[in-house]
Amino acid sequence: MRRILACCALFLFGSIVLCGQITDTLGFPASWTGDWHGTLDIFNARGKVQSVPMWIEIHPIDTSTTGRYTFGLVYGSKTEDYRPYELVPVEPEKGLWRVDEKNSIVMESYQYGPKLLCWFTVQGSRVLCTYEKRGDDMLFEVYSGAEKPVSTTGNTQQGEEEIPEVQTFPFNVFQRAVLQLEK
C-alpha cells in the first residue's frame, strides 16, 4: 500500500512539475492570445479629455511558418479605426519583436518580463507604447510629447565629478486602458 501511495504521490508531483513547465513554455505571445476589450481614457494636463472603446486582437497566424501573430488594434469600432498589425518574432529569446503595420512602417518592440514596449518618434513627437499582462488584465498605456527638449541642464564639473548633460522632454498626452480578455 505504501508503494502505491508513493507511486501516486510521485506521479502527482511529476504531473504538477510538467504542467508548470508546459505553462512556462507558452510565454509571450502565446499566453496573451485572445480579444482584449476595455475603454481607452485619454488625458492631458487638465485631466481626462476623452474615452473610447478599444480592443486588441492577438492570435497566431495559421499560415505563418515564422511565429507571426495578429496584433490588431481597434479604437471605437472596426469601421471607425481598425489597425490590423502583426507581431513578428525577430529574436524572441532576447525579447526582440517587430510590430508590422502592413503599410511600410515596421517598429522594433521589446518584451521584458510582463511588458511589451515600443518607443518611437513620429511627426515631431516621442511616443512610448506599453502593453503589460497583469493576471487576467492587460494594461495598455501611451506616453507622448514633443521630441524637442524643454530644458537642458548639467554638462558641468562639480569638484572632481563630471556631470553629464540631461535633457528633459515634455508630455502632451497620456492614454490608458485596462483590458479584459473576452470569454
N, C-alpha and C. Protein backbone atom coordinates (compact mmCIF):
# COMPACT_ATOMS: atom_id res chain seq x y z
N MET A 1 0.82 -1.19 0.00
CA MET A 1 0.00 0.00 0.00
C MET A 1 0.87 1.27 0.00
N ARG A 2 1.97 1.23 0.79
CA ARG A 2 2.86 2.39 0.83
C ARG A 2 3.49 2.63 -0.53
N ARG A 3 3.83 1.55 -1.24
CA ARG A 3 4.42 1.72 -2.57
C ARG A 3 3.42 2.35 -3.52
N ILE A 4 2.18 1.95 -3.45
CA ILE A 4 1.15 2.51 -4.32
C ILE A 4 0.99 4.00 -4.01
N LEU A 5 0.91 4.36 -2.71
CA LEU A 5 0.78 5.77 -2.33
C LEU A 5 2.01 6.56 -2.77
N ALA A 6 3.20 5.97 -2.60
CA ALA A 6 4.43 6.64 -3.01
C ALA A 6 4.44 6.86 -4.52
N CYS A 7 4.02 5.85 -5.27
CA CYS A 7 3.97 5.98 -6.73
C CYS A 7 2.95 7.04 -7.15
N CYS A 8 1.79 7.04 -6.49
CA CYS A 8 0.77 8.05 -6.80
C CYS A 8 1.28 9.45 -6.48
N ALA A 9 1.95 9.60 -5.33
CA ALA A 9 2.49 10.90 -4.94
C ALA A 9 3.55 11.35 -5.94
N LEU A 10 4.43 10.43 -6.35
CA LEU A 10 5.47 10.76 -7.32
C LEU A 10 4.84 11.15 -8.67
N PHE A 11 3.84 10.40 -9.10
CA PHE A 11 3.15 10.71 -10.34
C PHE A 11 2.49 12.09 -10.27
N LEU A 12 1.79 12.37 -9.15
CA LEU A 12 1.13 13.65 -8.98
C LEU A 12 2.15 14.79 -8.98
N PHE A 13 3.24 14.63 -8.26
CA PHE A 13 4.29 15.66 -8.21
C PHE A 13 4.87 15.88 -9.60
N GLY A 14 5.17 14.79 -10.32
CA GLY A 14 5.71 14.89 -11.68
C GLY A 14 4.74 15.57 -12.61
N SER A 15 3.46 15.30 -12.47
CA SER A 15 2.44 15.94 -13.31
C SER A 15 2.38 17.43 -13.04
N ILE A 16 2.47 17.82 -11.76
CA ILE A 16 2.43 19.24 -11.42
C ILE A 16 3.64 19.95 -12.00
N VAL A 17 4.82 19.34 -11.87
CA VAL A 17 6.03 19.94 -12.42
C VAL A 17 5.93 20.06 -13.94
N LEU A 18 5.48 19.00 -14.60
CA LEU A 18 5.34 19.01 -16.05
C LEU A 18 4.36 20.08 -16.50
N CYS A 19 3.21 20.20 -15.82
CA CYS A 19 2.23 21.22 -16.18
C CYS A 19 2.84 22.61 -16.02
N GLY A 20 3.61 22.81 -14.98
CA GLY A 20 4.27 24.09 -14.78
C GLY A 20 5.21 24.40 -15.91
N GLN A 21 5.95 23.38 -16.39
CA GLN A 21 6.88 23.60 -17.49
C GLN A 21 6.12 23.91 -18.78
N ILE A 22 5.01 23.23 -19.01
CA ILE A 22 4.23 23.49 -20.22
C ILE A 22 3.69 24.91 -20.18
N THR A 23 3.15 25.33 -19.03
CA THR A 23 2.63 26.68 -18.92
C THR A 23 3.74 27.70 -19.15
N ASP A 24 4.92 27.47 -18.57
CA ASP A 24 6.03 28.42 -18.73
C ASP A 24 6.49 28.50 -20.18
N THR A 25 6.42 27.40 -20.93
CA THR A 25 6.90 27.45 -22.30
C THR A 25 5.95 28.21 -23.21
N LEU A 26 4.68 28.38 -22.80
CA LEU A 26 3.75 29.15 -23.63
C LEU A 26 4.21 30.60 -23.70
N GLY A 27 4.46 31.22 -22.55
CA GLY A 27 5.03 32.56 -22.50
C GLY A 27 4.40 33.56 -23.44
N PHE A 28 5.21 34.51 -23.84
CA PHE A 28 4.77 35.58 -24.73
C PHE A 28 5.06 35.17 -26.17
N PRO A 29 4.21 35.39 -27.09
CA PRO A 29 2.88 35.97 -27.02
C PRO A 29 1.76 34.95 -26.86
N ALA A 30 2.11 33.66 -26.81
CA ALA A 30 1.07 32.63 -26.76
C ALA A 30 0.12 32.82 -25.58
N SER A 31 0.64 33.20 -24.43
CA SER A 31 -0.22 33.37 -23.26
C SER A 31 -1.02 34.68 -23.32
N TRP A 32 -0.78 35.50 -24.32
CA TRP A 32 -1.51 36.76 -24.49
C TRP A 32 -2.63 36.65 -25.52
N THR A 33 -2.80 35.48 -26.14
CA THR A 33 -3.76 35.37 -27.23
C THR A 33 -5.19 35.60 -26.76
N GLY A 34 -5.97 36.17 -27.68
CA GLY A 34 -7.38 36.43 -27.43
C GLY A 34 -7.76 37.83 -27.85
N ASP A 35 -9.00 38.19 -27.54
CA ASP A 35 -9.52 39.52 -27.83
C ASP A 35 -9.68 40.26 -26.50
N TRP A 36 -8.91 41.32 -26.33
CA TRP A 36 -8.86 42.10 -25.10
C TRP A 36 -9.69 43.37 -25.28
N HIS A 37 -10.71 43.55 -24.44
CA HIS A 37 -11.63 44.68 -24.58
C HIS A 37 -11.58 45.60 -23.35
N GLY A 38 -11.83 46.89 -23.59
CA GLY A 38 -11.91 47.84 -22.49
C GLY A 38 -12.17 49.24 -23.02
N THR A 39 -11.88 50.23 -22.19
CA THR A 39 -12.08 51.63 -22.54
C THR A 39 -10.75 52.35 -22.44
N LEU A 40 -10.41 53.07 -23.49
CA LEU A 40 -9.20 53.87 -23.52
C LEU A 40 -9.54 55.27 -23.01
N ASP A 41 -8.87 55.68 -21.93
CA ASP A 41 -9.03 57.03 -21.39
C ASP A 41 -7.84 57.86 -21.85
N ILE A 42 -8.12 59.07 -22.33
CA ILE A 42 -7.09 59.96 -22.86
C ILE A 42 -7.03 61.20 -21.97
N PHE A 43 -5.81 61.52 -21.52
CA PHE A 43 -5.60 62.62 -20.58
C PHE A 43 -4.62 63.64 -21.15
N ASN A 44 -4.82 64.90 -20.75
CA ASN A 44 -3.79 65.91 -20.93
C ASN A 44 -3.56 66.55 -19.57
N ALA A 45 -2.87 67.66 -19.50
CA ALA A 45 -2.54 68.28 -18.22
C ALA A 45 -3.77 68.70 -17.42
N ARG A 46 -4.89 68.93 -18.08
CA ARG A 46 -6.12 69.35 -17.39
C ARG A 46 -6.97 68.19 -16.92
N GLY A 47 -6.62 66.95 -17.31
CA GLY A 47 -7.41 65.78 -16.90
C GLY A 47 -7.88 64.97 -18.09
N LYS A 48 -8.89 64.12 -17.83
CA LYS A 48 -9.41 63.25 -18.89
C LYS A 48 -10.17 64.08 -19.91
N VAL A 49 -9.80 63.90 -21.19
CA VAL A 49 -10.44 64.66 -22.26
C VAL A 49 -11.31 63.80 -23.16
N GLN A 50 -11.11 62.47 -23.10
CA GLN A 50 -11.89 61.59 -23.97
C GLN A 50 -11.79 60.16 -23.49
N SER A 51 -12.83 59.38 -23.76
CA SER A 51 -12.83 57.93 -23.53
C SER A 51 -13.42 57.26 -24.76
N VAL A 52 -12.75 56.20 -25.23
CA VAL A 52 -13.26 55.46 -26.40
C VAL A 52 -13.12 53.96 -26.13
N PRO A 53 -14.07 53.18 -26.64
CA PRO A 53 -13.90 51.73 -26.54
C PRO A 53 -12.69 51.31 -27.36
N MET A 54 -11.97 50.30 -26.90
CA MET A 54 -10.85 49.78 -27.68
C MET A 54 -10.70 48.31 -27.41
N TRP A 55 -10.01 47.64 -28.30
CA TRP A 55 -9.61 46.27 -28.04
C TRP A 55 -8.37 45.93 -28.85
N ILE A 56 -7.73 44.88 -28.38
CA ILE A 56 -6.52 44.36 -29.02
C ILE A 56 -6.79 42.91 -29.35
N GLU A 57 -6.54 42.52 -30.59
CA GLU A 57 -6.73 41.14 -31.04
C GLU A 57 -5.36 40.50 -31.24
N ILE A 58 -5.05 39.46 -30.47
CA ILE A 58 -3.77 38.77 -30.59
C ILE A 58 -4.06 37.29 -30.85
N HIS A 59 -3.68 36.82 -32.04
CA HIS A 59 -3.93 35.43 -32.42
C HIS A 59 -2.79 34.92 -33.28
N PRO A 60 -2.41 33.65 -33.12
CA PRO A 60 -1.39 33.10 -34.03
C PRO A 60 -1.93 33.11 -35.46
N ILE A 61 -1.08 33.38 -36.41
CA ILE A 61 -1.49 33.36 -37.81
C ILE A 61 -1.25 31.93 -38.31
N ASP A 62 -2.34 31.27 -38.66
CA ASP A 62 -2.29 29.84 -39.02
C ASP A 62 -1.31 29.55 -40.14
N THR A 63 -1.17 30.46 -41.08
CA THR A 63 -0.32 30.21 -42.25
C THR A 63 1.13 30.60 -42.01
N SER A 64 1.42 31.16 -40.82
CA SER A 64 2.78 31.63 -40.55
C SER A 64 3.70 30.47 -40.21
N THR A 65 4.84 30.44 -40.86
CA THR A 65 5.87 29.45 -40.52
C THR A 65 6.94 30.06 -39.64
N THR A 66 6.79 31.37 -39.34
CA THR A 66 7.81 32.07 -38.56
C THR A 66 7.31 32.52 -37.18
N GLY A 67 6.08 32.14 -36.80
CA GLY A 67 5.57 32.50 -35.48
C GLY A 67 4.95 33.89 -35.40
N ARG A 68 4.42 34.37 -36.52
CA ARG A 68 3.76 35.69 -36.52
C ARG A 68 2.39 35.58 -35.84
N TYR A 69 1.98 36.70 -35.25
CA TYR A 69 0.67 36.80 -34.60
C TYR A 69 -0.04 38.04 -35.12
N THR A 70 -1.37 37.98 -35.16
CA THR A 70 -2.11 39.21 -35.40
C THR A 70 -1.90 40.09 -34.18
N PHE A 71 -1.93 41.38 -34.39
CA PHE A 71 -1.80 42.35 -33.30
C PHE A 71 -2.67 43.54 -33.67
N GLY A 72 -3.97 43.25 -33.83
CA GLY A 72 -4.91 44.26 -34.29
C GLY A 72 -5.36 45.18 -33.18
N LEU A 73 -5.33 46.48 -33.45
CA LEU A 73 -5.82 47.48 -32.50
C LEU A 73 -7.08 48.10 -33.08
N VAL A 74 -8.09 48.23 -32.23
CA VAL A 74 -9.36 48.82 -32.65
C VAL A 74 -9.70 49.94 -31.68
N TYR A 75 -10.01 51.11 -32.23
CA TYR A 75 -10.43 52.26 -31.43
C TYR A 75 -11.84 52.63 -31.88
N GLY A 76 -12.78 52.64 -30.95
CA GLY A 76 -14.17 52.92 -31.30
C GLY A 76 -14.84 51.67 -31.85
N SER A 77 -14.64 51.42 -33.13
CA SER A 77 -15.15 50.21 -33.78
C SER A 77 -14.26 49.90 -34.98
N LYS A 78 -14.42 48.69 -35.52
CA LYS A 78 -13.60 48.31 -36.67
C LYS A 78 -13.86 49.20 -37.87
N THR A 79 -15.08 49.72 -38.01
CA THR A 79 -15.36 50.61 -39.14
C THR A 79 -14.77 52.00 -38.92
N GLU A 80 -14.59 52.41 -37.66
CA GLU A 80 -14.03 53.74 -37.36
C GLU A 80 -12.50 53.74 -37.45
N ASP A 81 -11.86 52.81 -36.73
CA ASP A 81 -10.40 52.84 -36.64
C ASP A 81 -9.87 51.45 -36.31
N TYR A 82 -9.55 50.69 -37.34
CA TYR A 82 -9.01 49.33 -37.18
C TYR A 82 -7.60 49.31 -37.74
N ARG A 83 -6.68 48.83 -36.94
CA ARG A 83 -5.28 48.75 -37.35
C ARG A 83 -4.84 47.28 -37.30
N PRO A 84 -4.87 46.61 -38.44
CA PRO A 84 -4.58 45.17 -38.49
C PRO A 84 -3.08 44.87 -38.53
N TYR A 85 -2.38 45.21 -37.46
CA TYR A 85 -0.95 45.00 -37.39
C TYR A 85 -0.63 43.52 -37.18
N GLU A 86 0.67 43.20 -37.30
CA GLU A 86 1.16 41.86 -36.99
C GLU A 86 2.36 41.96 -36.07
N LEU A 87 2.48 40.98 -35.20
CA LEU A 87 3.61 40.86 -34.29
C LEU A 87 4.55 39.82 -34.89
N VAL A 88 5.79 40.24 -35.14
CA VAL A 88 6.75 39.40 -35.87
C VAL A 88 7.95 39.09 -34.96
N PRO A 89 8.26 37.81 -34.76
CA PRO A 89 9.44 37.49 -33.96
C PRO A 89 10.72 37.82 -34.72
N VAL A 90 11.68 38.44 -34.03
CA VAL A 90 12.99 38.73 -34.61
C VAL A 90 14.01 37.89 -33.86
N GLU A 91 14.18 38.17 -32.58
CA GLU A 91 14.99 37.36 -31.68
C GLU A 91 14.21 37.24 -30.37
N PRO A 92 13.15 36.43 -30.37
CA PRO A 92 12.28 36.37 -29.18
C PRO A 92 13.03 35.95 -27.91
N GLU A 93 14.09 35.15 -28.06
CA GLU A 93 14.86 34.74 -26.88
C GLU A 93 15.57 35.94 -26.23
N LYS A 94 15.74 37.02 -26.99
CA LYS A 94 16.33 38.25 -26.46
C LYS A 94 15.27 39.33 -26.24
N GLY A 95 14.00 38.97 -26.44
CA GLY A 95 12.91 39.92 -26.24
C GLY A 95 12.65 40.84 -27.41
N LEU A 96 13.25 40.58 -28.58
CA LEU A 96 13.10 41.47 -29.73
C LEU A 96 12.02 40.98 -30.68
N TRP A 97 11.05 41.85 -30.91
CA TRP A 97 9.94 41.61 -31.82
C TRP A 97 9.81 42.84 -32.72
N ARG A 98 8.96 42.75 -33.73
CA ARG A 98 8.61 43.90 -34.54
C ARG A 98 7.09 43.96 -34.67
N VAL A 99 6.58 45.17 -34.66
CA VAL A 99 5.17 45.38 -34.98
C VAL A 99 5.14 45.88 -36.42
N ASP A 100 4.54 45.07 -37.28
CA ASP A 100 4.44 45.38 -38.70
C ASP A 100 3.07 46.00 -38.94
N GLU A 101 3.06 47.28 -39.32
CA GLU A 101 1.80 47.98 -39.53
C GLU A 101 1.20 47.70 -40.91
N LYS A 102 1.90 46.90 -41.71
CA LYS A 102 1.41 46.48 -43.03
C LYS A 102 1.26 47.65 -44.00
N ASN A 103 2.05 48.73 -43.77
CA ASN A 103 1.97 49.90 -44.65
C ASN A 103 3.37 50.50 -44.88
N SER A 104 4.40 49.72 -44.70
CA SER A 104 5.82 50.07 -44.80
C SER A 104 6.41 50.52 -43.47
N ILE A 105 5.59 50.69 -42.43
CA ILE A 105 6.09 51.01 -41.09
C ILE A 105 6.23 49.72 -40.30
N VAL A 106 7.45 49.46 -39.84
CA VAL A 106 7.75 48.29 -39.01
C VAL A 106 8.59 48.79 -37.85
N MET A 107 8.12 48.56 -36.63
CA MET A 107 8.79 49.12 -35.45
C MET A 107 9.27 48.02 -34.51
N GLU A 108 10.53 48.13 -34.10
CA GLU A 108 11.07 47.20 -33.12
C GLU A 108 10.31 47.38 -31.81
N SER A 109 10.02 46.25 -31.16
CA SER A 109 9.34 46.24 -29.87
C SER A 109 10.08 45.25 -28.99
N TYR A 110 10.05 45.52 -27.69
CA TYR A 110 10.87 44.75 -26.77
C TYR A 110 10.01 44.15 -25.67
N GLN A 111 10.09 42.84 -25.51
CA GLN A 111 9.32 42.15 -24.49
C GLN A 111 10.26 41.87 -23.32
N TYR A 112 9.99 42.53 -22.20
CA TYR A 112 10.76 42.34 -20.97
C TYR A 112 9.78 41.99 -19.86
N GLY A 113 9.93 40.81 -19.27
CA GLY A 113 9.02 40.39 -18.22
C GLY A 113 7.59 40.42 -18.74
N PRO A 114 6.69 41.06 -18.00
CA PRO A 114 5.29 41.08 -18.41
C PRO A 114 4.95 42.20 -19.39
N LYS A 115 5.95 42.92 -19.93
CA LYS A 115 5.67 44.09 -20.77
C LYS A 115 6.21 43.93 -22.18
N LEU A 116 5.46 44.51 -23.12
CA LEU A 116 5.92 44.71 -24.49
C LEU A 116 6.02 46.23 -24.65
N LEU A 117 7.20 46.71 -25.07
CA LEU A 117 7.49 48.14 -25.14
C LEU A 117 7.86 48.54 -26.57
N CYS A 118 7.35 49.66 -27.00
CA CYS A 118 7.69 50.20 -28.31
C CYS A 118 7.87 51.71 -28.16
N TRP A 119 9.06 52.21 -28.51
CA TRP A 119 9.40 53.62 -28.34
C TRP A 119 9.83 54.16 -29.69
N PHE A 120 9.17 55.22 -30.15
CA PHE A 120 9.46 55.72 -31.49
C PHE A 120 9.17 57.22 -31.56
N THR A 121 9.59 57.83 -32.65
CA THR A 121 9.24 59.22 -32.92
C THR A 121 8.44 59.27 -34.21
N VAL A 122 7.50 60.20 -34.26
CA VAL A 122 6.69 60.40 -35.46
C VAL A 122 6.22 61.85 -35.47
N GLN A 123 6.39 62.51 -36.59
CA GLN A 123 5.93 63.88 -36.81
C GLN A 123 6.27 64.80 -35.63
N GLY A 124 7.51 64.73 -35.15
CA GLY A 124 7.97 65.64 -34.11
C GLY A 124 7.58 65.24 -32.69
N SER A 125 7.01 64.05 -32.51
CA SER A 125 6.63 63.59 -31.17
C SER A 125 7.36 62.31 -30.81
N ARG A 126 7.72 62.20 -29.53
CA ARG A 126 8.22 60.94 -28.98
C ARG A 126 7.03 60.18 -28.43
N VAL A 127 6.97 58.89 -28.70
CA VAL A 127 5.84 58.08 -28.25
C VAL A 127 6.37 56.79 -27.64
N LEU A 128 5.88 56.48 -26.44
CA LEU A 128 6.19 55.21 -25.79
C LEU A 128 4.88 54.48 -25.58
N CYS A 129 4.76 53.28 -26.19
CA CYS A 129 3.58 52.42 -26.01
C CYS A 129 3.99 51.24 -25.15
N THR A 130 3.19 50.94 -24.13
CA THR A 130 3.46 49.78 -23.30
C THR A 130 2.22 48.91 -23.22
N TYR A 131 2.44 47.62 -23.26
CA TYR A 131 1.40 46.61 -23.09
C TYR A 131 1.90 45.73 -21.95
N GLU A 132 1.08 45.55 -20.94
CA GLU A 132 1.51 44.76 -19.79
C GLU A 132 0.43 43.78 -19.38
N LYS A 133 0.78 42.51 -19.36
CA LYS A 133 -0.15 41.48 -18.88
C LYS A 133 -0.06 41.45 -17.37
N ARG A 134 -1.19 41.68 -16.71
CA ARG A 134 -1.29 41.69 -15.25
C ARG A 134 -2.38 40.72 -14.83
N GLY A 135 -2.00 39.49 -14.59
CA GLY A 135 -3.01 38.49 -14.23
C GLY A 135 -3.99 38.29 -15.36
N ASP A 136 -5.27 38.58 -15.10
CA ASP A 136 -6.31 38.43 -16.12
C ASP A 136 -6.53 39.69 -16.93
N ASP A 137 -5.79 40.75 -16.65
CA ASP A 137 -5.94 42.03 -17.35
C ASP A 137 -4.73 42.33 -18.21
N MET A 138 -4.94 43.22 -19.17
CA MET A 138 -3.83 43.80 -19.92
C MET A 138 -3.92 45.31 -19.74
N LEU A 139 -2.82 45.91 -19.36
CA LEU A 139 -2.74 47.36 -19.21
C LEU A 139 -2.04 47.91 -20.45
N PHE A 140 -2.72 48.80 -21.16
CA PHE A 140 -2.17 49.45 -22.35
C PHE A 140 -1.99 50.93 -22.01
N GLU A 141 -0.79 51.47 -22.23
CA GLU A 141 -0.53 52.88 -21.97
C GLU A 141 0.29 53.49 -23.10
N VAL A 142 0.02 54.76 -23.35
CA VAL A 142 0.77 55.53 -24.34
C VAL A 142 1.17 56.84 -23.69
N TYR A 143 2.46 57.16 -23.79
CA TYR A 143 3.01 58.42 -23.31
C TYR A 143 3.51 59.17 -24.54
N SER A 144 3.14 60.45 -24.67
CA SER A 144 3.52 61.17 -25.87
C SER A 144 3.82 62.63 -25.56
N GLY A 145 4.81 63.17 -26.27
CA GLY A 145 5.17 64.58 -26.13
C GLY A 145 6.11 64.98 -27.23
N ALA A 146 6.39 66.25 -27.31
CA ALA A 146 7.26 66.78 -28.36
C ALA A 146 8.66 66.19 -28.25
N GLU A 147 9.28 66.01 -29.40
CA GLU A 147 10.63 65.46 -29.46
C GLU A 147 11.69 66.50 -29.07
N LYS A 148 11.31 67.76 -29.07
CA LYS A 148 12.23 68.84 -28.74
C LYS A 148 12.30 69.00 -27.21
N PRO A 149 13.51 69.04 -26.64
CA PRO A 149 13.62 69.17 -25.18
C PRO A 149 13.11 70.52 -24.68
N VAL A 150 12.55 70.52 -23.46
CA VAL A 150 12.11 71.78 -22.85
C VAL A 150 13.20 72.39 -22.00
N SER A 151 14.17 71.57 -21.59
CA SER A 151 15.31 72.11 -20.84
C SER A 151 16.52 71.21 -21.01
N THR A 152 17.68 71.82 -20.85
CA THR A 152 18.95 71.10 -20.86
C THR A 152 19.73 71.59 -19.64
N THR A 153 20.10 70.66 -18.78
CA THR A 153 20.85 71.02 -17.57
C THR A 153 22.06 70.11 -17.45
N GLY A 154 22.86 70.35 -16.41
CA GLY A 154 24.07 69.54 -16.23
C GLY A 154 25.17 70.05 -17.12
N ASN A 155 25.97 69.12 -17.63
CA ASN A 155 27.09 69.44 -18.51
C ASN A 155 28.07 70.39 -17.79
N THR A 156 28.36 70.05 -16.53
CA THR A 156 29.25 70.87 -15.71
C THR A 156 30.23 69.98 -14.96
N GLN A 157 31.12 70.62 -14.26
CA GLN A 157 32.08 69.94 -13.40
C GLN A 157 31.74 70.35 -11.96
N GLN A 158 31.54 69.38 -11.07
CA GLN A 158 31.28 69.63 -9.65
C GLN A 158 32.42 68.99 -8.87
N GLY A 159 33.42 69.77 -8.54
CA GLY A 159 34.60 69.21 -7.90
C GLY A 159 35.30 68.28 -8.87
N GLU A 160 35.47 67.02 -8.48
CA GLU A 160 36.10 66.01 -9.35
C GLU A 160 35.10 65.31 -10.27
N GLU A 161 33.82 65.53 -10.01
CA GLU A 161 32.78 64.81 -10.74
C GLU A 161 32.32 65.58 -11.97
N GLU A 162 32.33 64.85 -13.11
CA GLU A 162 31.78 65.42 -14.34
C GLU A 162 30.29 65.12 -14.37
N ILE A 163 29.48 66.15 -14.47
CA ILE A 163 28.03 65.99 -14.51
C ILE A 163 27.61 65.95 -15.99
N PRO A 164 26.91 64.88 -16.40
CA PRO A 164 26.50 64.78 -17.80
C PRO A 164 25.37 65.74 -18.12
N GLU A 165 25.24 66.03 -19.37
CA GLU A 165 24.11 66.84 -19.84
C GLU A 165 22.84 66.00 -19.75
N VAL A 166 21.77 66.61 -19.29
CA VAL A 166 20.47 65.95 -19.20
C VAL A 166 19.43 66.82 -19.89
N GLN A 167 18.72 66.23 -20.82
CA GLN A 167 17.63 66.94 -21.49
C GLN A 167 16.31 66.39 -20.97
N THR A 168 15.36 67.29 -20.75
CA THR A 168 14.03 66.92 -20.30
C THR A 168 13.04 67.17 -21.43
N PHE A 169 12.14 66.22 -21.63
CA PHE A 169 11.17 66.32 -22.72
C PHE A 169 9.75 66.47 -22.16
N PRO A 170 8.90 67.20 -22.86
CA PRO A 170 7.55 67.44 -22.35
C PRO A 170 6.62 66.25 -22.62
N PHE A 171 5.55 66.19 -21.84
CA PHE A 171 4.45 65.27 -22.10
C PHE A 171 3.26 66.09 -22.54
N ASN A 172 2.58 65.62 -23.57
CA ASN A 172 1.37 66.30 -24.05
C ASN A 172 0.13 65.46 -23.80
N VAL A 173 0.29 64.13 -23.94
CA VAL A 173 -0.87 63.24 -23.84
C VAL A 173 -0.46 61.96 -23.13
N PHE A 174 -1.36 61.45 -22.32
CA PHE A 174 -1.22 60.15 -21.68
C PHE A 174 -2.51 59.39 -21.93
N GLN A 175 -2.37 58.13 -22.35
CA GLN A 175 -3.54 57.29 -22.61
C GLN A 175 -3.41 56.00 -21.81
N ARG A 176 -4.55 55.50 -21.30
CA ARG A 176 -4.52 54.25 -20.53
C ARG A 176 -5.82 53.48 -20.74
N ALA A 177 -5.65 52.16 -20.90
CA ALA A 177 -6.81 51.26 -20.95
C ALA A 177 -6.48 50.01 -20.16
N VAL A 178 -7.42 49.57 -19.34
CA VAL A 178 -7.33 48.28 -18.69
C VAL A 178 -8.27 47.37 -19.46
N LEU A 179 -7.69 46.35 -20.08
CA LEU A 179 -8.45 45.48 -20.99
C LEU A 179 -8.65 44.11 -20.36
N GLN A 180 -9.81 43.54 -20.59
CA GLN A 180 -10.09 42.18 -20.13
C GLN A 180 -10.26 41.26 -21.32
N LEU A 181 -9.85 40.02 -21.12
CA LEU A 181 -9.95 39.01 -22.16
C LEU A 181 -11.41 38.65 -22.37
N GLU A 182 -11.86 38.74 -23.61
CA GLU A 182 -13.25 38.36 -23.94
C GLU A 182 -13.38 36.85 -23.78
N LYS A 183 -14.44 36.45 -23.14
CA LYS A 183 -14.65 35.00 -22.92
C LYS A 183 -15.80 34.48 -23.71
